[in-house]
PDB file of N, CA and C in Angstrom:
ATOM      1  N   GLU A   1     -20.757  12.548  11.876  1.00  0.00           N
ATOM      2  CA  GLU A   1     -19.918  12.990  10.791  1.00  0.00           C
ATOM      3  C   GLU A   1     -19.102  14.174  11.266  1.00  0.00           C
ATOM      4  N   SER A   2     -17.858  13.951  11.428  1.00  0.00           N
ATOM      5  CA  SER A   2     -17.034  14.968  12.024  1.00  0.00           C
ATOM      6  C   SER A   2     -16.373  15.864  10.995  1.00  0.00           C
ATOM      7  N   GLY A   3     -15.529  15.319  10.114  1.00  0.00           N
ATOM      8  CA  GLY A   3     -14.850  16.145   9.137  1.00  0.00           C
ATOM      9  C   GLY A   3     -15.468  16.028   7.769  1.00  0.00           C
ATOM     10  N   GLY A   4     -16.708  15.635   7.687  1.00  0.00           N
ATOM     11  CA  GLY A   4     -17.362  15.472   6.404  1.00  0.00           C
ATOM     12  C   GLY A   4     -17.404  14.032   5.936  1.00  0.00           C
ATOM     13  N   GLU A   5     -16.696  13.143   6.639  1.00  0.00           N
ATOM     14  CA  GLU A   5     -16.761  11.734   6.287  1.00  0.00           C
ATOM     15  C   GLU A   5     -18.173  11.229   6.535  1.00  0.00           C
ATOM     16  N   ARG A   6     -18.543  10.192   5.802  1.00  0.00           N
ATOM     17  CA  ARG A   6     -19.833   9.563   6.081  1.00  0.00           C
ATOM     18  C   ARG A   6     -19.703   8.070   5.865  1.00  0.00           C
ATOM     19  N   LEU A   7     -20.513   7.331   6.578  1.00  0.00           N
ATOM     20  CA  LEU A   7     -20.504   5.884   6.509  1.00  0.00           C
ATOM     21  C   LEU A   7     -21.621   5.432   5.574  1.00  0.00           C
ATOM     22  N   VAL A   8     -21.249   4.704   4.531  1.00  0.00           N
ATOM     23  CA  VAL A   8     -22.215   4.245   3.534  1.00  0.00           C
ATOM     24  C   VAL A   8     -22.472   2.756   3.760  1.00  0.00           C
ATOM     25  N   PRO A   9     -23.701   2.388   4.164  1.00  0.00           N
ATOM     26  CA  PRO A   9     -24.020   0.961   4.318  1.00  0.00           C
ATOM     27  C   PRO A   9     -24.282   0.345   2.943  1.00  0.00           C
ATOM     28  N   MET A  10     -23.385  -0.530   2.507  1.00  0.00           N
ATOM     29  CA  MET A  10     -23.538  -1.139   1.187  1.00  0.00           C
ATOM     30  C   MET A  10     -24.272  -2.470   1.275  1.00  0.00           C
ATOM     31  N   ARG A  11     -24.072  -3.186   2.364  1.00  0.00           N
ATOM     32  CA  ARG A  11     -24.818  -4.413   2.679  1.00  0.00           C
ATOM     33  C   ARG A  11     -24.974  -4.451   4.196  1.00  0.00           C
ATOM     34  N   THR A  12     -26.200  -4.565   4.656  1.00  0.00           N
ATOM     35  CA  THR A  12     -26.421  -4.572   6.098  1.00  0.00           C
ATOM     36  C   THR A  12     -26.921  -5.908   6.607  1.00  0.00           C
ATOM     37  N   GLY A  13     -27.315  -6.803   5.729  1.00  0.00           N
ATOM     38  CA  GLY A  13     -27.834  -8.103   6.159  1.00  0.00           C
ATOM     39  C   GLY A  13     -26.727  -9.099   6.421  1.00  0.00           C
ATOM     40  N   GLY A  14     -27.121 -10.231   6.932  1.00  0.00           N
ATOM     41  CA  GLY A  14     -26.161 -11.307   7.180  1.00  0.00           C
ATOM     42  C   GLY A  14     -25.723 -11.328   8.617  1.00  0.00           C
ATOM     43  N   GLY A  15     -25.263 -12.474   9.050  1.00  0.00           N
ATOM     44  CA  GLY A  15     -24.897 -12.631  10.447  1.00  0.00           C
ATOM     45  C   GLY A  15     -23.404 -12.583  10.707  1.00  0.00           C
ATOM     46  N   ARG A  16     -22.627 -12.168   9.732  1.00  0.00           N
ATOM     47  CA  ARG A  16     -21.184 -12.146   9.908  1.00  0.00           C
ATOM     48  C   ARG A  16     -20.722 -10.801  10.472  1.00  0.00           C
ATOM     49  N   GLU A  17     -19.486 -10.782  10.973  1.00  0.00           N
ATOM     50  CA  GLU A  17     -18.919  -9.521  11.442  1.00  0.00           C
ATOM     51  C   GLU A  17     -18.819  -8.561  10.263  1.00  0.00           C
ATOM     52  N   PRO A  18     -19.175  -7.318  10.462  1.00  0.00           N
ATOM     53  CA  PRO A  18     -19.130  -6.385   9.340  1.00  0.00           C
ATOM     54  C   PRO A  18     -17.709  -6.069   8.901  1.00  0.00           C
ATOM     55  N   ILE A  19     -17.593  -5.778   7.627  1.00  0.00           N
ATOM     56  CA  ILE A  19     -16.358  -5.225   7.081  1.00  0.00           C
ATOM     57  C   ILE A  19     -16.579  -3.738   6.923  1.00  0.00           C
ATOM     58  N   VAL A  20     -15.636  -2.961   7.428  1.00  0.00           N
ATOM     59  CA  VAL A  20     -15.668  -1.517   7.251  1.00  0.00           C
ATOM     60  C   VAL A  20     -14.505  -1.184   6.326  1.00  0.00           C
ATOM     61  N   ALA A  21     -14.835  -0.673   5.140  1.00  0.00           N
ATOM     62  CA  ALA A  21     -13.834  -0.419   4.115  1.00  0.00           C
ATOM     63  C   ALA A  21     -13.467   1.055   4.054  1.00  0.00           C
ATOM     64  N   LEU A  22     -12.186   1.293   3.836  1.00  0.00           N
ATOM     65  CA  LEU A  22     -11.668   2.652   3.689  1.00  0.00           C
ATOM     66  C   LEU A  22     -10.985   2.744   2.329  1.00  0.00           C
ATOM     67  N   PRO A  23     -11.614   3.439   1.377  1.00  0.00           N
ATOM     68  CA  PRO A  23     -11.046   3.517   0.033  1.00  0.00           C
ATOM     69  C   PRO A  23      -9.819   4.423  -0.001  1.00  0.00           C
ATOM     70  N   GLY A  24      -9.106   4.344  -1.095  1.00  0.00           N
ATOM     71  CA  GLY A  24      -7.936   5.192  -1.289  1.00  0.00           C
ATOM     72  C   GLY A  24      -8.316   6.616  -1.643  1.00  0.00           C
ATOM     73  N   ALA A  25      -7.299   7.445  -1.769  1.00  0.00           N
ATOM     74  CA  ALA A  25      -7.511   8.855  -2.112  1.00  0.00           C
ATOM     75  C   ALA A  25      -8.242   8.958  -3.442  1.00  0.00           C
ATOM     76  N   GLY A  26      -9.231   9.793  -3.483  1.00  0.00           N
ATOM     77  CA  GLY A  26      -9.989   9.983  -4.702  1.00  0.00           C
ATOM     78  C   GLY A  26     -11.033   8.907  -4.940  1.00  0.00           C
ATOM     79  N   GLY A  27     -10.997   7.865  -4.128  1.00  0.00           N
ATOM     80  CA  GLY A  27     -11.985   6.797  -4.260  1.00  0.00           C
ATOM     81  C   GLY A  27     -13.112   7.002  -3.281  1.00  0.00           C
ATOM     82  N   GLY A  28     -14.153   6.268  -3.461  1.00  0.00           N
ATOM     83  CA  GLY A  28     -15.289   6.342  -2.561  1.00  0.00           C
ATOM     84  C   GLY A  28     -15.973   4.999  -2.534  1.00  0.00           C
ATOM     85  N   ALA A  29     -17.176   4.994  -2.034  1.00  0.00           N
ATOM     86  CA  ALA A  29     -17.931   3.749  -1.910  1.00  0.00           C
ATOM     87  C   ALA A  29     -18.092   3.049  -3.251  1.00  0.00           C
ATOM     88  N   LEU A  30     -18.279   3.809  -4.307  1.00  0.00           N
ATOM     89  CA  LEU A  30     -18.462   3.184  -5.619  1.00  0.00           C
ATOM     90  C   LEU A  30     -17.249   2.384  -6.054  1.00  0.00           C
ATOM     91  N   SER A  31     -16.054   2.790  -5.612  1.00  0.00           N
ATOM     92  CA  SER A  31     -14.845   2.063  -6.000  1.00  0.00           C
ATOM     93  C   SER A  31     -14.779   0.687  -5.358  1.00  0.00           C
ATOM     94  N   LEU A  32     -15.563   0.459  -4.325  1.00  0.00           N
ATOM     95  CA  LEU A  32     -15.557  -0.836  -3.630  1.00  0.00           C
ATOM     96  C   LEU A  32     -16.880  -1.585  -3.786  1.00  0.00           C
ATOM     97  N   GLN A  33     -17.757  -1.089  -4.643  1.00  0.00           N
ATOM     98  CA  GLN A  33     -19.074  -1.698  -4.820  1.00  0.00           C
ATOM     99  C   GLN A  33     -18.980  -3.126  -5.348  1.00  0.00           C
ATOM    100  N   LEU A  34     -18.117  -3.371  -6.311  1.00  0.00           N
ATOM    101  CA  LEU A  34     -17.977  -4.715  -6.870  1.00  0.00           C
ATOM    102  C   LEU A  34     -17.487  -5.703  -5.807  1.00  0.00           C
ATOM    103  N   LEU A  35     -16.527  -5.281  -4.996  1.00  0.00           N
ATOM    104  CA  LEU A  35     -16.049  -6.152  -3.915  1.00  0.00           C
ATOM    105  C   LEU A  35     -17.179  -6.478  -2.960  1.00  0.00           C
ATOM    106  N   SER A  36     -17.957  -5.489  -2.584  1.00  0.00           N
ATOM    107  CA  SER A  36     -19.096  -5.711  -1.693  1.00  0.00           C
ATOM    108  C   SER A  36     -20.047  -6.738  -2.281  1.00  0.00           C
ATOM    109  N   ARG A  37     -20.339  -6.593  -3.558  1.00  0.00           N
ATOM    110  CA  ARG A  37     -21.252  -7.513  -4.238  1.00  0.00           C
ATOM    111  C   ARG A  37     -20.687  -8.937  -4.263  1.00  0.00           C
ATOM    112  N   GLU A  38     -19.397  -9.061  -4.565  1.00  0.00           N
ATOM    113  CA  GLU A  38     -18.761 -10.378  -4.667  1.00  0.00           C
ATOM    114  C   GLU A  38     -18.719 -11.111  -3.326  1.00  0.00           C
ATOM    115  N   LEU A  39     -18.701 -10.385  -2.235  1.00  0.00           N
ATOM    116  CA  LEU A  39     -18.663 -11.024  -0.917  1.00  0.00           C
ATOM    117  C   LEU A  39     -19.999 -11.642  -0.535  1.00  0.00           C
ATOM    118  N   GLY A  40     -21.057 -11.253  -1.210  1.00  0.00           N
ATOM    119  CA  GLY A  40     -22.356 -11.884  -1.012  1.00  0.00           C
ATOM    120  C   GLY A  40     -23.245 -11.208   0.002  1.00  0.00           C
ATOM    121  N   ASP A  41     -24.496 -11.660   0.019  1.00  0.00           N
ATOM    122  CA  ASP A  41     -25.523 -11.055   0.865  1.00  0.00           C
ATOM    123  C   ASP A  41     -25.323 -11.295   2.354  1.00  0.00           C
ATOM    124  N   SER A  42     -24.556 -12.322   2.706  1.00  0.00           N
ATOM    125  CA  SER A  42     -24.386 -12.627   4.127  1.00  0.00           C
ATOM    126  C   SER A  42     -23.265 -11.816   4.774  1.00  0.00           C
ATOM    127  N   GLN A  43     -22.578 -10.987   3.981  1.00  0.00           N
ATOM    128  CA  GLN A  43     -21.467 -10.199   4.525  1.00  0.00           C
ATOM    129  C   GLN A  43     -21.827  -8.725   4.617  1.00  0.00           C
ATOM    130  N   PRO A  44     -22.094  -8.238   5.851  1.00  0.00           N
ATOM    131  CA  PRO A  44     -22.324  -6.795   6.005  1.00  0.00           C
ATOM    132  C   PRO A  44     -21.079  -6.017   5.567  1.00  0.00           C
ATOM    133  N   PHE A  45     -21.293  -4.948   4.832  1.00  0.00           N
ATOM    134  CA  PHE A  45     -20.178  -4.197   4.255  1.00  0.00           C
ATOM    135  C   PHE A  45     -20.513  -2.714   4.303  1.00  0.00           C
ATOM    136  N   TYR A  46     -19.651  -1.952   4.945  1.00  0.00           N
ATOM    137  CA  TYR A  46     -19.821  -0.513   5.076  1.00  0.00           C
ATOM    138  C   TYR A  46     -18.588   0.156   4.493  1.00  0.00           C
ATOM    139  N   CYS A  47     -18.766   1.318   3.928  1.00  0.00           N
ATOM    140  CA  CYS A  47     -17.643   2.046   3.349  1.00  0.00           C
ATOM    141  C   CYS A  47     -17.632   3.463   3.917  1.00  0.00           C
ATOM    142  N   VAL A  48     -16.458   3.909   4.313  1.00  0.00           N
ATOM    143  CA  VAL A  48     -16.308   5.283   4.775  1.00  0.00           C
ATOM    144  C   VAL A  48     -16.000   6.149   3.564  1.00  0.00           C
ATOM    145  N   GLU A  49     -16.906   7.075   3.280  1.00  0.00           N
ATOM    146  CA  GLU A  49     -16.676   8.061   2.222  1.00  0.00           C
ATOM    147  C   GLU A  49     -15.748   9.117   2.805  1.00  0.00           C
ATOM    148  N   PRO A  50     -14.555   9.246   2.247  1.00  0.00           N
ATOM    149  CA  PRO A  50     -13.611  10.208   2.838  1.00  0.00           C
ATOM    150  C   PRO A  50     -14.010  11.645   2.562  1.00  0.00           C
ATOM    151  N   ALA A  51     -13.600  12.499   3.473  1.00  0.00           N
ATOM    152  CA  ALA A  51     -13.798  13.937   3.290  1.00  0.00           C
ATOM    153  C   ALA A  51     -12.551  14.491   2.606  1.00  0.00           C
ATOM    154  N   GLY A  52     -12.645  15.659   2.100  1.00  0.00           N
ATOM    155  CA  GLY A  52     -11.519  16.254   1.394  1.00  0.00           C
ATOM    156  C   GLY A  52     -10.586  17.060   2.272  1.00  0.00           C
ATOM    157  N   GLY A  53     -10.640  16.862   3.570  1.00  0.00           N
ATOM    158  CA  GLY A  53      -9.822  17.651   4.489  1.00  0.00           C
ATOM    159  C   GLY A  53      -8.381  17.185   4.540  1.00  0.00           C
ATOM    160  N   ALA A  54      -7.563  17.946   5.199  1.00  0.00           N
ATOM    161  CA  ALA A  54      -6.140  17.621   5.327  1.00  0.00           C
ATOM    162  C   ALA A  54      -5.835  17.184   6.753  1.00  0.00           C
ATOM    163  N   SER A  55      -6.684  16.346   7.334  1.00  0.00           N
ATOM    164  CA  SER A  55      -6.472  15.872   8.697  1.00  0.00           C
ATOM    165  C   SER A  55      -5.313  14.896   8.740  1.00  0.00           C
ATOM    166  N   SER A  56      -4.750  14.728   9.919  1.00  0.00           N
ATOM    167  CA  SER A  56      -3.715  13.723  10.101  1.00  0.00           C
ATOM    168  C   SER A  56      -4.357  12.338  10.066  1.00  0.00           C
ATOM    169  N   VAL A  57      -3.539  11.333   9.899  1.00  0.00           N
ATOM    170  CA  VAL A  57      -4.030   9.955   9.905  1.00  0.00           C
ATOM    171  C   VAL A  57      -4.720   9.664  11.231  1.00  0.00           C
ATOM    172  N   GLU A  58      -4.137  10.124  12.322  1.00  0.00           N
ATOM    173  CA  GLU A  58      -4.702   9.874  13.655  1.00  0.00           C
ATOM    174  C   GLU A  58      -6.080  10.526  13.802  1.00  0.00           C
ATOM    175  N   GLU A  59      -6.203  11.779  13.340  1.00  0.00           N
ATOM    176  CA  GLU A  59      -7.495  12.480  13.432  1.00  0.00           C
ATOM    177  C   GLU A  59      -8.532  11.828  12.528  1.00  0.00           C
ATOM    178  N   THR A  60      -8.113  11.423  11.337  1.00  0.00           N
ATOM    179  CA  THR A  60      -9.031  10.762  10.411  1.00  0.00           C
ATOM    180  C   THR A  60      -9.524   9.449  11.008  1.00  0.00           C
ATOM    181  N   ALA A  61      -8.618   8.681  11.597  1.00  0.00           N
ATOM    182  CA  ALA A  61      -9.002   7.412  12.220  1.00  0.00           C
ATOM    183  C   ALA A  61      -9.987   7.642  13.362  1.00  0.00           C
ATOM    184  N   ALA A  62      -9.717   8.641  14.192  1.00  0.00           N
ATOM    185  CA  ALA A  62     -10.616   8.940  15.316  1.00  0.00           C
ATOM    186  C   ALA A  62     -11.999   9.362  14.809  1.00  0.00           C
ATOM    187  N   ALA A  63     -12.044  10.181  13.759  1.00  0.00           N
ATOM    188  CA  ALA A  63     -13.329  10.599  13.184  1.00  0.00           C
ATOM    189  C   ALA A  63     -14.080   9.396  12.632  1.00  0.00           C
ATOM    190  N   ASN A  64     -13.361   8.472  12.003  1.00  0.00           N
ATOM    191  CA  ASN A  64     -14.004   7.272  11.465  1.00  0.00           C
ATOM    192  C   ASN A  64     -14.551   6.384  12.576  1.00  0.00           C
ATOM    193  N   ILE A  65     -13.860   6.309  13.688  1.00  0.00           N
ATOM    194  CA  ILE A  65     -14.350   5.520  14.828  1.00  0.00           C
ATOM    195  C   ILE A  65     -15.642   6.143  15.356  1.00  0.00           C
ATOM    196  N   ARG A  66     -15.700   7.463  15.387  1.00  0.00           N
ATOM    197  CA  ARG A  66     -16.944   8.128  15.814  1.00  0.00           C
ATOM    198  C   ARG A  66     -18.090   7.796  14.853  1.00  0.00           C
ATOM    199  N   LEU A  67     -17.774   7.689  13.555  1.00  0.00           N
ATOM    200  CA  LEU A  67     -18.800   7.293  12.583  1.00  0.00           C
ATOM    201  C   LEU A  67     -19.328   5.895  12.897  1.00  0.00           C
ATOM    202  N   LEU A  68     -18.426   4.974  13.191  1.00  0.00           N
ATOM    203  CA  LEU A  68     -18.834   3.604  13.527  1.00  0.00           C
ATOM    204  C   LEU A  68     -19.720   3.604  14.765  1.00  0.00           C
ATOM    205  N   ASP A  69     -19.295   4.343  15.768  1.00  0.00           N
ATOM    206  CA  ASP A  69     -20.076   4.414  17.003  1.00  0.00           C
ATOM    207  C   ASP A  69     -21.465   4.982  16.742  1.00  0.00           C
ATOM    208  N   GLY A  70     -21.536   6.031  15.930  1.00  0.00           N
ATOM    209  CA  GLY A  70     -22.816   6.652  15.602  1.00  0.00           C
ATOM    210  C   GLY A  70     -23.749   5.719  14.849  1.00  0.00           C
ATOM    211  N   ALA A  71     -23.169   4.759  14.128  1.00  0.00           N
ATOM    212  CA  ALA A  71     -23.973   3.793  13.368  1.00  0.00           C
ATOM    213  C   ALA A  71     -24.256   2.528  14.178  1.00  0.00           C
ATOM    214  N   GLY A  72     -23.796   2.495  15.429  1.00  0.00           N
ATOM    215  CA  GLY A  72     -24.023   1.318  16.267  1.00  0.00           C
ATOM    216  C   GLY A  72     -23.105   0.150  15.951  1.00  0.00           C
ATOM    217  N   LEU A  73     -21.999   0.395  15.278  1.00  0.00           N
ATOM    218  CA  LEU A  73     -21.043  -0.668  14.941  1.00  0.00           C
ATOM    219  C   LEU A  73     -19.915  -0.682  15.976  1.00  0.00           C
ATOM    220  N   GLN A  74     -20.257  -1.120  17.177  1.00  0.00           N
ATOM    221  CA  GLN A  74     -19.287  -1.090  18.264  1.00  0.00           C
ATOM    222  C   GLN A  74     -18.733  -2.463  18.598  1.00  0.00           C
ATOM    223  N   GLY A  75     -19.273  -3.496  17.970  1.00  0.00           N
ATOM    224  CA  GLY A  75     -18.777  -4.841  18.222  1.00  0.00           C
ATOM    225  C   GLY A  75     -17.562  -5.131  17.374  1.00  0.00           C
ATOM    226  N   PRO A  76     -17.107  -6.360  17.392  1.00  0.00           N
ATOM    227  CA  PRO A  76     -15.944  -6.689  16.567  1.00  0.00           C
ATOM    228  C   PRO A  76     -16.238  -6.432  15.087  1.00  0.00           C
ATOM    229  N   CYS A  77     -15.235  -5.972  14.389  1.00  0.00           N
ATOM    230  CA  CYS A  77     -15.384  -5.746  12.953  1.00  0.00           C
ATOM    231  C   CYS A  77     -14.070  -6.071  12.266  1.00  0.00           C
ATOM    232  N   ARG A  78     -14.138  -6.122  10.966  1.00  0.00           N
ATOM    233  CA  ARG A  78     -12.942  -6.274  10.137  1.00  0.00           C
ATOM    234  C   ARG A  78     -12.757  -4.976   9.380  1.00  0.00           C
ATOM    235  N   LEU A  79     -11.554  -4.462   9.405  1.00  0.00           N
ATOM    236  CA  LEU A  79     -11.236  -3.227   8.706  1.00  0.00           C
ATOM    237  C   LEU A  79     -10.505  -3.564   7.415  1.00  0.00           C
ATOM    238  N   LEU A  80     -10.943  -2.936   6.323  1.00  0.00           N
ATOM    239  CA  LEU A  80     -10.326  -3.160   5.027  1.00  0.00           C
ATOM    240  C   LEU A  80      -9.882  -1.813   4.485  1.00  0.00           C
ATOM    241  N   GLY A  81      -8.594  -1.689   4.210  1.00  0.00           N
ATOM    242  CA  GLY A  81      -8.077  -0.448   3.671  1.00  0.00           C
ATOM    243  C   GLY A  81      -7.476  -0.650   2.306  1.00  0.00           C
ATOM    244  N   TYR A  82      -7.893   0.182   1.366  1.00  0.00           N
ATOM    245  CA  TYR A  82      -7.369   0.129   0.007  1.00  0.00           C
ATOM    246  C   TYR A  82      -6.457   1.328  -0.218  1.00  0.00           C
ATOM    247  N   SER A  83      -5.265   1.095  -0.707  1.00  0.00           N
ATOM    248  CA  SER A  83      -4.291   2.134  -0.992  1.00  0.00           C
ATOM    249  C   SER A  83      -4.007   2.920   0.300  1.00  0.00           C
ATOM    250  N   ASN A  84      -4.071   4.254   0.255  1.00  0.00           N
ATOM    251  CA  ASN A  84      -3.768   4.992   1.484  1.00  0.00           C
ATOM    252  C   ASN A  84      -4.860   4.822   2.546  1.00  0.00           C
ATOM    253  N   GLY A  85      -6.005   4.267   2.177  1.00  0.00           N
ATOM    254  CA  GLY A  85      -7.016   3.910   3.175  1.00  0.00           C
ATOM    255  C   GLY A  85      -6.513   2.826   4.123  1.00  0.00           C
ATOM    256  N   GLY A  86      -5.522   2.062   3.679  1.00  0.00           N
ATOM    257  CA  GLY A  86      -4.935   1.026   4.527  1.00  0.00           C
ATOM    258  C   GLY A  86      -4.194   1.596   5.720  1.00  0.00           C
ATOM    259  N   VAL A  87      -3.534   2.726   5.535  1.00  0.00           N
ATOM    260  CA  VAL A  87      -2.832   3.361   6.647  1.00  0.00           C
ATOM    261  C   VAL A  87      -3.844   3.840   7.688  1.00  0.00           C
ATOM    262  N   VAL A  88      -4.975   4.363   7.223  1.00  0.00           N
ATOM    263  CA  VAL A  88      -6.033   4.811   8.134  1.00  0.00           C
ATOM    264  C   VAL A  88      -6.652   3.600   8.841  1.00  0.00           C
ATOM    265  N   ALA A  89      -6.875   2.502   8.109  1.00  0.00           N
ATOM    266  CA  ALA A  89      -7.430   1.289   8.724  1.00  0.00           C
ATOM    267  C   ALA A  89      -6.504   0.772   9.816  1.00  0.00           C
ATOM    268  N   TYR A  90      -5.211   0.788   9.551  1.00  0.00           N
ATOM    269  CA  TYR A  90      -4.222   0.339  10.535  1.00  0.00           C
ATOM    270  C   TYR A  90      -4.290   1.200  11.797  1.00  0.00           C
ATOM    271  N   GLU A  91      -4.372   2.518  11.606  1.00  0.00           N
ATOM    272  CA  GLU A  91      -4.450   3.437  12.746  1.00  0.00           C
ATOM    273  C   GLU A  91      -5.775   3.272  13.491  1.00  0.00           C
ATOM    274  N   MET A  92      -6.867   3.034  12.751  1.00  0.00           N
ATOM    275  CA  MET A  92      -8.148   2.782  13.419  1.00  0.00           C
ATOM    276  C   MET A  92      -8.047   1.551  14.310  1.00  0.00           C
ATOM    277  N   ALA A  93      -7.433   0.501  13.791  1.00  0.00           N
ATOM    278  CA  ALA A  93      -7.276  -0.724  14.583  1.00  0.00           C
ATOM    279  C   ALA A  93      -6.458  -0.444  15.837  1.00  0.00           C
ATOM    280  N   ARG A  94      -5.388   0.310  15.685  1.00  0.00           N
ATOM    281  CA  ARG A  94      -4.545   0.642  16.841  1.00  0.00           C
ATOM    282  C   ARG A  94      -5.353   1.394  17.893  1.00  0.00           C
ATOM    283  N   GLN A  95      -6.142   2.384  17.460  1.00  0.00           N
ATOM    284  CA  GLN A  95      -6.943   3.166  18.411  1.00  0.00           C
ATOM    285  C   GLN A  95      -8.040   2.319  19.044  1.00  0.00           C
ATOM    286  N   LEU A  96      -8.710   1.503  18.246  1.00  0.00           N
ATOM    287  CA  LEU A  96      -9.779   0.652  18.793  1.00  0.00           C
ATOM    288  C   LEU A  96      -9.230  -0.320  19.820  1.00  0.00           C
ATOM    289  N   LEU A  97      -8.096  -0.940  19.524  1.00  0.00           N
ATOM    290  CA  LEU A  97      -7.498  -1.877  20.473  1.00  0.00           C
ATOM    291  C   LEU A  97      -7.068  -1.165  21.754  1.00  0.00           C
ATOM    292  N   ALA A  98      -6.561   0.060  21.627  1.00  0.00           N
ATOM    293  CA  ALA A  98      -6.178   0.841  22.808  1.00  0.00           C
ATOM    294  C   ALA A  98      -7.388   1.169  23.676  1.00  0.00           C
ATOM    295  N   MET A  99      -8.588   1.221  23.061  1.00  0.00           N
ATOM    296  CA  MET A  99      -9.837   1.468  23.803  1.00  0.00           C
ATOM    297  C   MET A  99     -10.393   0.193  24.415  1.00  0.00           C
ATOM    298  N   GLY A 100      -9.729  -0.935  24.150  1.00  0.00           N
ATOM    299  CA  GLY A 100     -10.225  -2.212  24.662  1.00  0.00           C
ATOM    300  C   GLY A 100     -11.283  -2.842  23.777  1.00  0.00           C
ATOM    301  N   ARG A 101     -11.404  -2.373  22.535  1.00  0.00           N
ATOM    302  CA  ARG A 101     -12.401  -2.913  21.606  1.00  0.00           C
ATOM    303  C   ARG A 101     -11.771  -3.962  20.715  1.00  0.00           C
ATOM    304  N   GLN A 102     -12.617  -4.755  20.089  1.00  0.00           N
ATOM    305  CA  GLN A 102     -12.140  -5.866  19.278  1.00  0.00           C
ATOM    306  C   GLN A 102     -12.103  -5.515  17.799  1.00  0.00           C
ATOM    307  N   VAL A 103     -11.013  -5.931  17.167  1.00  0.00           N
ATOM    308  CA  VAL A 103     -10.863  -5.855  15.717  1.00  0.00           C
ATOM    309  C   VAL A 103     -10.444  -7.250  15.285  1.00  0.00           C
ATOM    310  N   SER A 104     -11.260  -7.884  14.465  1.00  0.00           N
ATOM    311  CA  SER A 104     -10.961  -9.261  14.055  1.00  0.00           C
ATOM    312  C   SER A 104      -9.785  -9.333  13.106  1.00  0.00           C
ATOM    313  N   SER A 105      -9.735  -8.387  12.178  1.00  0.00           N
ATOM    314  CA  SER A 105      -8.633  -8.381  11.219  1.00  0.00           C
ATOM    315  C   SER A 105      -8.519  -7.016  10.564  1.00  0.00           C
ATOM    316  N   VAL A 106      -7.337  -6.766  10.038  1.00  0.00           N
ATOM    317  CA  VAL A 106      -7.079  -5.579   9.237  1.00  0.00           C
ATOM    318  C   VAL A 106      -6.587  -6.088   7.892  1.00  0.00           C
ATOM    319  N   ILE A 107      -7.342  -5.793   6.857  1.00  0.00           N
ATOM    320  CA  ILE A 107      -7.045  -6.270   5.511  1.00  0.00           C
ATOM    321  C   ILE A 107      -6.511  -5.085   4.709  1.00  0.00           C
ATOM    322  N   LEU A 108      -5.297  -5.220   4.203  1.00  0.00           N
ATOM    323  CA  LEU A 108      -4.673  -4.136   3.459  1.00  0.00           C
ATOM    324  C   LEU A 108      -4.546  -4.536   1.998  1.00  0.00           C
ATOM    325  N   LEU A 109      -5.098  -3.726   1.109  1.00  0.00           N
ATOM    326  CA  LEU A 109      -5.036  -3.973  -0.324  1.00  0.00           C
ATOM    327  C   LEU A 109      -4.240  -2.848  -0.990  1.00  0.00           C
ATOM    328  N   ASP A 110      -3.146  -3.196  -1.628  1.00  0.00           N
ATOM    329  CA  ASP A 110      -2.330  -2.227  -2.356  1.00  0.00           C
ATOM    330  C   ASP A 110      -1.970  -1.041  -1.465  1.00  0.00           C
ATOM    331  N   THR A 111      -1.468  -1.355  -0.270  1.00  0.00           N
ATOM    332  CA  THR A 111      -1.161  -0.338   0.727  1.00  0.00           C
ATOM    333  C   THR A 111       0.324  -0.364   1.042  1.00  0.00           C
ATOM    334  N   LEU A 112       0.909   0.800   1.191  1.00  0.00           N
ATOM    335  CA  LEU A 112       2.274   0.858   1.681  1.00  0.00           C
ATOM    336  C   LEU A 112       2.282   0.451   3.144  1.00  0.00           C
ATOM    337  N   ARG A 113       3.339  -0.186   3.565  1.00  0.00           N
ATOM    338  CA  ARG A 113       3.454  -0.597   4.961  1.00  0.00           C
ATOM    339  C   ARG A 113       3.524   0.642   5.845  1.00  0.00           C
ATOM    340  N   PRO A 114       2.677   0.676   6.882  1.00  0.00           N
ATOM    341  CA  PRO A 114       2.771   1.807   7.816  1.00  0.00           C
ATOM    342  C   PRO A 114       4.145   1.818   8.472  1.00  0.00           C
ATOM    343  N   ASP A 115       4.614   2.984   8.851  1.00  0.00           N
ATOM    344  CA  ASP A 115       5.882   3.099   9.557  1.00  0.00           C
ATOM    345  C   ASP A 115       5.690   2.514  10.947  1.00  0.00           C
ATOM    346  N   LEU A 116       6.119   1.274  11.118  1.00  0.00           N
ATOM    347  CA  LEU A 116       5.873   0.584  12.376  1.00  0.00           C
ATOM    348  C   LEU A 116       6.606   1.232  13.545  1.00  0.00           C
ATOM    349  N   ARG A 117       7.692   1.931  13.275  1.00  0.00           N
ATOM    350  CA  ARG A 117       8.397   2.614  14.371  1.00  0.00           C
ATOM    351  C   ARG A 117       7.507   3.668  14.999  1.00  0.00           C
ATOM    352  N   GLY A 118       6.666   4.307  14.207  1.00  0.00           N
ATOM    353  CA  GLY A 118       5.759   5.315  14.731  1.00  0.00           C
ATOM    354  C   GLY A 118       4.660   4.722  15.597  1.00  0.00           C
ATOM    355  N   TYR A 119       4.524   3.399  15.550  1.00  0.00           N
ATOM    356  CA  TYR A 119       3.500   2.718  16.349  1.00  0.00           C
ATOM    357  C   TYR A 119       4.123   1.932  17.494  1.00  0.00           C
ATOM    358  N   GLY A 120       5.387   2.243  17.840  1.00  0.00           N
ATOM    359  CA  GLY A 120       6.032   1.583  18.964  1.00  0.00           C
ATOM    360  C   GLY A 120       6.456   0.162  18.657  1.00  0.00           C
ATOM    361  N   MET A 121       6.623  -0.178  17.377  1.00  0.00           N
ATOM    362  CA  MET A 121       7.043  -1.512  17.006  1.00  0.00           C
ATOM    363  C   MET A 121       8.332  -1.426  16.200  1.00  0.00           C
ATOM    364  N   ALA A 122       9.117  -2.470  16.263  1.00  0.00           N
ATOM    365  CA  ALA A 122      10.329  -2.537  15.445  1.00  0.00           C
ATOM    366  C   ALA A 122       9.924  -2.842  13.998  1.00  0.00           C
ATOM    367  N   ALA A 123      10.655  -2.289  13.081  1.00  0.00           N
ATOM    368  CA  ALA A 123      10.362  -2.538  11.661  1.00  0.00           C
ATOM    369  C   ALA A 123      10.920  -3.866  11.207  1.00  0.00           C
TER     370      ALA A 123
END
């Protein structure tokens, strides 16, 4: 836990790739509890409880990756970002891929499109 963020295991059973969820501002694990439940017992689901700091998106993503590593979630995963959590999920995927790690998918819910120019891509 670097900037106060913490990883909340909402479902740990099942043989599927885990989903790591990043809630929007002011949200937390409870805001995604119903989604976790609806996905069923076979879907591992973790939620990053955001800290109240003013870190950059890049620093927040790096801190979240350290949380995953600390929890032993180093294999392929699916990242789910809700609202501004989607921008962090996108940046986490970019950093993980740059490290040579696997990200199966990035799921964005009610998220503004990240500025792709800032990621070396054409808009």
